Protein backbone atom coordinates (compact mmCIF):
# COMPACT_ATOMS: atom_id res chain seq x y z
CA MET A 1 -17.98 27.76 -6.48
CA GLU A 2 -20.70 28.17 -9.05
CA ILE A 3 -23.66 25.93 -9.69
CA VAL A 4 -23.90 25.42 -13.41
CA ASP A 5 -27.15 24.30 -14.99
CA SER A 6 -25.77 22.78 -18.15
CA ALA A 7 -26.87 20.12 -20.58
CA ALA A 8 -23.14 19.51 -21.09
CA PHE A 9 -23.00 17.60 -17.77
CA THR A 10 -25.16 14.49 -17.74
CA VAL A 11 -25.58 11.47 -15.51
CA THR A 12 -27.13 8.35 -17.02
CA GLU A 13 -29.97 6.45 -15.38
CA ALA A 14 -27.56 3.54 -14.85
CA ALA A 15 -25.18 5.81 -12.91
CA LEU A 16 -28.00 7.34 -10.86
CA SER A 17 -29.26 3.87 -9.97
CA ALA A 18 -25.75 2.70 -9.02
CA LEU A 19 -25.21 5.77 -6.83
CA SER A 20 -28.54 5.22 -5.07
CA LEU A 21 -27.77 1.54 -4.57
CA HIS A 22 -24.29 2.29 -3.21
CA PHE A 23 -25.13 5.20 -0.89
CA GLY A 24 -28.79 4.53 -0.09
CA ASP A 25 -30.22 7.32 2.06
CA ASP A 26 -26.74 8.40 3.19
CA ARG A 27 -25.92 10.58 0.19
CA PRO A 28 -22.58 12.37 0.28
CA PRO A 29 -22.70 16.16 -0.01
CA CYS A 30 -20.68 16.13 -3.24
CA LEU A 31 -18.98 13.85 -5.75
CA ARG A 32 -15.93 15.13 -7.61
CA VAL A 33 -15.01 14.31 -11.20
CA PHE A 34 -11.21 14.43 -11.34
CA LEU A 35 -8.34 13.47 -13.62
CA SER A 36 -6.57 10.36 -12.32
CA PHE A 37 -3.22 9.01 -13.42
CA MET A 38 -3.47 5.85 -11.27
CA SER A 39 -4.98 3.52 -13.88
CA GLU A 40 -2.73 0.99 -15.62
CA SER A 41 -4.43 1.90 -18.88
CA GLY A 42 -3.38 5.55 -18.57
CA PRO A 43 -5.07 8.76 -17.42
CA ARG A 44 -8.83 8.83 -17.06
CA LEU A 45 -11.60 10.72 -15.33
CA GLU A 46 -12.87 9.23 -12.06
CA LEU A 47 -15.30 9.98 -9.21
CA SER A 48 -14.47 10.57 -5.56
CA LEU A 49 -16.06 12.05 -2.46
CA ASP A 50 -14.91 15.62 -1.98
CA ALA A 51 -16.11 19.07 -1.00
CA PRO A 52 -16.49 21.69 -3.71
CA THR A 53 -14.06 24.62 -3.71
CA GLY A 54 -14.08 28.09 -5.20
CA ASP A 55 -12.24 26.73 -8.24
CA ASP A 56 -15.07 24.38 -9.19
CA ALA A 57 -18.07 24.32 -11.44
CA THR A 58 -20.81 22.37 -9.67
CA PHE A 59 -23.78 20.54 -11.08
CA ALA A 60 -26.96 19.28 -9.44
CA VAL A 61 -28.53 16.21 -11.06
CA ASP A 62 -31.54 14.48 -9.48
CA GLY A 63 -30.51 15.49 -5.97
CA TRP A 64 -26.84 14.60 -6.45
CA GLN A 65 -24.18 17.33 -6.45
CA PHE A 66 -21.07 17.00 -8.60
CA ALA A 67 -17.97 19.22 -8.67
CA VAL A 68 -15.42 19.60 -11.46
CA ASN A 69 -12.41 21.88 -11.36
CA ARG A 70 -13.34 24.78 -13.64
CA GLN A 71 -10.17 24.45 -15.76
CA LEU A 72 -10.77 20.72 -16.23
CA TRP A 73 -14.42 21.43 -17.08
CA LEU A 74 -13.43 23.92 -19.79
CA GLN A 75 -11.18 21.31 -21.41
CA ALA A 76 -13.29 18.19 -20.88
CA ALA A 77 -16.89 19.31 -21.48
CA PRO A 78 -19.25 17.75 -22.29
CA LEU A 79 -19.12 15.16 -19.49
CA THR A 80 -21.32 12.11 -19.00
CA VAL A 81 -21.18 10.01 -15.85
CA ASP A 82 -22.21 6.43 -16.62
CA CYS A 83 -22.00 3.05 -14.91
CA ASP A 84 -21.56 -0.41 -16.40
CA GLY A 85 -20.36 -3.82 -15.25
CA GLN A 86 -16.85 -2.39 -14.78
CA GLY A 87 -17.95 0.50 -12.53
CA PHE A 88 -18.36 4.21 -13.11
CA ARG A 89 -17.17 5.67 -16.40
CA ILE A 90 -16.87 9.35 -17.22
CA ARG A 91 -17.00 10.19 -20.91
CA SER A 92 -15.61 13.54 -22.03
CA SER A 93 -14.15 15.40 -24.97
CA LEU A 94 -10.62 14.66 -23.71
CA ASP A 95 -8.54 12.33 -25.87
CA PHE A 96 -6.28 10.06 -23.84
CA SER A 97 -5.44 7.77 -26.76
CA GLU A 98 -1.86 9.05 -27.05
CA ALA A 99 -1.23 9.11 -23.29
CA GLY A 100 -0.38 5.45 -22.91
CA GLY A 101 -0.61 3.51 -19.70
CA SER A 102 1.44 2.55 -16.73
CA CYS A 103 2.41 -1.08 -16.63
CA GLY A 104 3.77 -0.91 -13.09
CA GLY A 105 7.29 -1.77 -14.20
CA SER A 106 6.32 -5.17 -15.56
CA CYS A 107 6.30 -4.26 -19.24
CA SER A 108 8.64 -6.02 -21.57
CA HIS A 109 10.00 -4.32 -24.65
CA HIS A 110 10.47 -6.52 -27.69
């Protein structure tokens, strides 16, 4: 595990406020940015609670620790963790536009 001090990993004020509101004084030791395939709209980056491993790049932002698998980091950087009315959003250099989504078997083909 390496702690990376990089301007290529940012967390917006909105996301920091949402994290503080959600966790209060009971901050988790680490939040992981990971690639999820569970969204109906297709793959996307998400946040979860997780411990960092030796395969991660880690980032400290305003007292919060974030982990990203090093291989994912190399492909996705720069990363910005944001929060809006829909929840947390992670913006990256990855292009998921061609990936398509999962319609849960309820898609109709015309």
